[in-house]
Amino acid sequence: MNAEKNWQQVAERLAENGWSWKYRNFSDRNGHSFHMAEAHDIEGVTHAVFAESVTPAFVALEQSIKAAGK
């Protein structure tokens, strides 16, 4: 399974469980990329994580939500 499919599957699971999500990619002036995945639910609960690539960002986001008992 390729990396793009992995993050998309995590995003689908989040959406199926009532989470809205967004993804952003930032670069610093030295060209280093930062990837942020963020999700929030209808109650206003928000989780955001940063990683060095998109799939680990979404995996960490899903883990953060699960660890919070959501």
N, C-alpha and C. Protein backbone atom coordinates (compact mmCIF):
# COMPACT_ATOMS: atom_id res chain seq x y z
N MET A 1 0.86 -1.18 0.00
CA MET A 1 0.00 0.00 0.00
C MET A 1 0.90 1.24 0.00
N ASN A 2 0.58 2.17 -0.86
CA ASN A 2 1.43 3.35 -0.94
C ASN A 2 1.06 4.38 0.12
N ALA A 3 1.97 5.32 0.35
CA ALA A 3 1.79 6.31 1.42
C ALA A 3 0.56 7.17 1.20
N GLU A 4 0.29 7.55 -0.04
CA GLU A 4 -0.87 8.41 -0.30
C GLU A 4 -2.16 7.69 0.09
N LYS A 5 -2.25 6.42 -0.22
CA LYS A 5 -3.44 5.64 0.13
C LYS A 5 -3.58 5.55 1.65
N ASN A 6 -2.48 5.40 2.36
CA ASN A 6 -2.52 5.31 3.82
C ASN A 6 -3.15 6.53 4.45
N TRP A 7 -2.68 7.73 4.10
CA TRP A 7 -3.22 8.92 4.75
C TRP A 7 -4.67 9.13 4.34
N GLN A 8 -5.01 8.76 3.12
CA GLN A 8 -6.40 8.91 2.67
C GLN A 8 -7.33 7.99 3.45
N GLN A 9 -6.86 6.80 3.77
CA GLN A 9 -7.68 5.87 4.55
C GLN A 9 -7.89 6.39 5.97
N VAL A 10 -6.86 6.97 6.55
CA VAL A 10 -7.02 7.57 7.88
C VAL A 10 -8.01 8.73 7.81
N ALA A 11 -7.89 9.56 6.80
CA ALA A 11 -8.80 10.69 6.63
C ALA A 11 -10.25 10.21 6.47
N GLU A 12 -10.44 9.15 5.73
CA GLU A 12 -11.79 8.59 5.56
C GLU A 12 -12.35 8.10 6.90
N ARG A 13 -11.52 7.42 7.68
CA ARG A 13 -11.97 6.94 9.00
C ARG A 13 -12.35 8.11 9.90
N LEU A 14 -11.56 9.17 9.87
CA LEU A 14 -11.88 10.34 10.68
C LEU A 14 -13.23 10.92 10.27
N ALA A 15 -13.44 11.08 8.98
CA ALA A 15 -14.70 11.64 8.48
C ALA A 15 -15.88 10.74 8.84
N GLU A 16 -15.70 9.44 8.72
CA GLU A 16 -16.76 8.49 9.06
C GLU A 16 -17.15 8.56 10.53
N ASN A 17 -16.21 9.00 11.37
CA ASN A 17 -16.45 9.09 12.80
C ASN A 17 -16.80 10.51 13.24
N GLY A 18 -17.18 11.36 12.29
CA GLY A 18 -17.68 12.69 12.62
C GLY A 18 -16.63 13.78 12.76
N TRP A 19 -15.42 13.54 12.32
CA TRP A 19 -14.35 14.53 12.43
C TRP A 19 -14.18 15.25 11.10
N SER A 20 -14.09 16.56 11.14
CA SER A 20 -13.69 17.35 9.98
C SER A 20 -12.17 17.48 10.07
N TRP A 21 -11.50 17.43 8.95
CA TRP A 21 -10.04 17.49 8.99
C TRP A 21 -9.51 18.43 7.92
N LYS A 22 -8.27 18.86 8.15
CA LYS A 22 -7.55 19.62 7.14
C LYS A 22 -6.07 19.28 7.24
N TYR A 23 -5.38 19.56 6.17
CA TYR A 23 -3.96 19.25 6.06
C TYR A 23 -3.26 20.47 5.47
N ARG A 24 -2.10 20.77 6.03
CA ARG A 24 -1.29 21.88 5.50
C ARG A 24 0.17 21.46 5.46
N ASN A 25 0.87 21.98 4.48
CA ASN A 25 2.29 21.73 4.33
C ASN A 25 3.00 23.07 4.38
N PHE A 26 3.97 23.18 5.28
CA PHE A 26 4.74 24.41 5.44
C PHE A 26 6.20 24.14 5.10
N SER A 27 6.88 25.14 4.62
CA SER A 27 8.33 25.04 4.40
C SER A 27 8.99 26.23 5.07
N ASP A 28 10.13 25.97 5.71
CA ASP A 28 10.87 27.09 6.28
C ASP A 28 11.82 27.66 5.22
N ARG A 29 12.54 28.69 5.58
CA ARG A 29 13.40 29.35 4.57
C ARG A 29 14.56 28.47 4.12
N ASN A 30 14.83 27.40 4.86
CA ASN A 30 15.88 26.47 4.46
C ASN A 30 15.34 25.32 3.62
N GLY A 31 14.03 25.34 3.36
CA GLY A 31 13.43 24.31 2.53
C GLY A 31 12.95 23.08 3.26
N HIS A 32 13.03 23.08 4.59
CA HIS A 32 12.56 21.94 5.37
C HIS A 32 11.04 21.97 5.43
N SER A 33 10.40 20.85 5.12
CA SER A 33 8.95 20.77 5.11
C SER A 33 8.39 20.31 6.45
N PHE A 34 7.27 20.90 6.81
CA PHE A 34 6.52 20.51 8.00
C PHE A 34 5.10 20.20 7.54
N HIS A 35 4.55 19.12 8.02
CA HIS A 35 3.21 18.72 7.63
C HIS A 35 2.31 18.74 8.86
N MET A 36 1.17 19.41 8.74
CA MET A 36 0.24 19.51 9.85
C MET A 36 -1.09 18.88 9.44
N ALA A 37 -1.58 18.00 10.30
CA ALA A 37 -2.92 17.43 10.13
C ALA A 37 -3.73 17.87 11.34
N GLU A 38 -4.94 18.33 11.09
CA GLU A 38 -5.79 18.85 12.15
C GLU A 38 -7.20 18.30 11.96
N ALA A 39 -7.86 17.99 13.06
CA ALA A 39 -9.24 17.52 13.01
C ALA A 39 -10.03 18.15 14.14
N HIS A 40 -11.31 18.38 13.89
CA HIS A 40 -12.17 18.88 14.95
C HIS A 40 -13.55 18.23 14.82
N ASP A 41 -14.21 18.08 15.95
CA ASP A 41 -15.53 17.47 15.94
C ASP A 41 -16.61 18.51 16.18
N ILE A 42 -17.85 18.09 16.19
CA ILE A 42 -18.98 19.00 16.31
C ILE A 42 -19.02 19.71 17.67
N GLU A 43 -18.37 19.13 18.68
CA GLU A 43 -18.32 19.73 20.01
C GLU A 43 -17.23 20.79 20.12
N GLY A 44 -16.44 20.96 19.07
CA GLY A 44 -15.37 21.94 19.08
C GLY A 44 -14.04 21.41 19.55
N VAL A 45 -13.95 20.10 19.81
CA VAL A 45 -12.69 19.49 20.22
C VAL A 45 -11.76 19.47 19.00
N THR A 46 -10.53 19.94 19.20
CA THR A 46 -9.57 20.02 18.10
C THR A 46 -8.29 19.27 18.47
N HIS A 47 -7.76 18.55 17.51
CA HIS A 47 -6.47 17.88 17.64
C HIS A 47 -5.63 18.33 16.45
N ALA A 48 -4.37 18.65 16.69
CA ALA A 48 -3.46 19.02 15.61
C ALA A 48 -2.09 18.41 15.89
N VAL A 49 -1.47 17.91 14.85
CA VAL A 49 -0.14 17.30 14.98
C VAL A 49 0.74 17.74 13.80
N PHE A 50 2.03 17.73 14.04
CA PHE A 50 3.02 18.02 13.01
C PHE A 50 3.89 16.79 12.81
N ALA A 51 4.31 16.57 11.58
CA ALA A 51 5.20 15.45 11.26
C ALA A 51 6.04 15.85 10.05
N GLU A 52 6.97 14.97 9.69
CA GLU A 52 7.85 15.27 8.57
C GLU A 52 7.30 14.82 7.22
N SER A 53 6.18 14.11 7.23
CA SER A 53 5.50 13.77 5.97
C SER A 53 4.02 13.56 6.25
N VAL A 54 3.24 13.46 5.21
CA VAL A 54 1.79 13.48 5.34
C VAL A 54 1.23 12.25 6.06
N THR A 55 1.67 11.05 5.70
CA THR A 55 1.10 9.86 6.32
C THR A 55 1.37 9.81 7.82
N PRO A 56 2.61 10.03 8.28
CA PRO A 56 2.82 10.05 9.73
C PRO A 56 2.00 11.12 10.44
N ALA A 57 1.73 12.24 9.77
CA ALA A 57 0.90 13.28 10.38
C ALA A 57 -0.51 12.76 10.62
N PHE A 58 -1.09 12.10 9.65
CA PHE A 58 -2.45 11.58 9.81
C PHE A 58 -2.51 10.42 10.80
N VAL A 59 -1.49 9.57 10.78
CA VAL A 59 -1.45 8.47 11.74
C VAL A 59 -1.35 9.03 13.17
N ALA A 60 -0.50 10.02 13.37
CA ALA A 60 -0.37 10.64 14.69
C ALA A 60 -1.66 11.35 15.10
N LEU A 61 -2.34 11.95 14.15
CA LEU A 61 -3.62 12.60 14.43
C LEU A 61 -4.64 11.58 14.92
N GLU A 62 -4.74 10.47 14.22
CA GLU A 62 -5.68 9.42 14.62
C GLU A 62 -5.33 8.87 15.99
N GLN A 63 -4.05 8.68 16.26
CA GLN A 63 -3.61 8.19 17.57
C GLN A 63 -3.93 9.20 18.67
N SER A 64 -3.76 10.47 18.40
CA SER A 64 -4.07 11.51 19.38
C SER A 64 -5.54 11.49 19.74
N ILE A 65 -6.39 11.34 18.75
CA ILE A 65 -7.83 11.29 18.98
C ILE A 65 -8.21 10.05 19.80
N LYS A 66 -7.63 8.91 19.44
CA LYS A 66 -7.91 7.67 20.18
C LYS A 66 -7.42 7.77 21.62
N ALA A 67 -6.24 8.36 21.83
CA ALA A 67 -5.68 8.49 23.18
C ALA A 67 -6.56 9.39 24.07
N ALA A 68 -7.26 10.33 23.44
CA ALA A 68 -8.16 11.22 24.19
C ALA A 68 -9.51 10.57 24.46
N GLY A 69 -9.67 9.36 23.96
CA GLY A 69 -10.92 8.64 24.20
C GLY A 69 -12.06 9.07 23.30
N LYS A 70 -11.74 9.64 22.18
CA LYS A 70 -12.78 10.10 21.25
C LYS A 70 -13.01 9.09 20.15
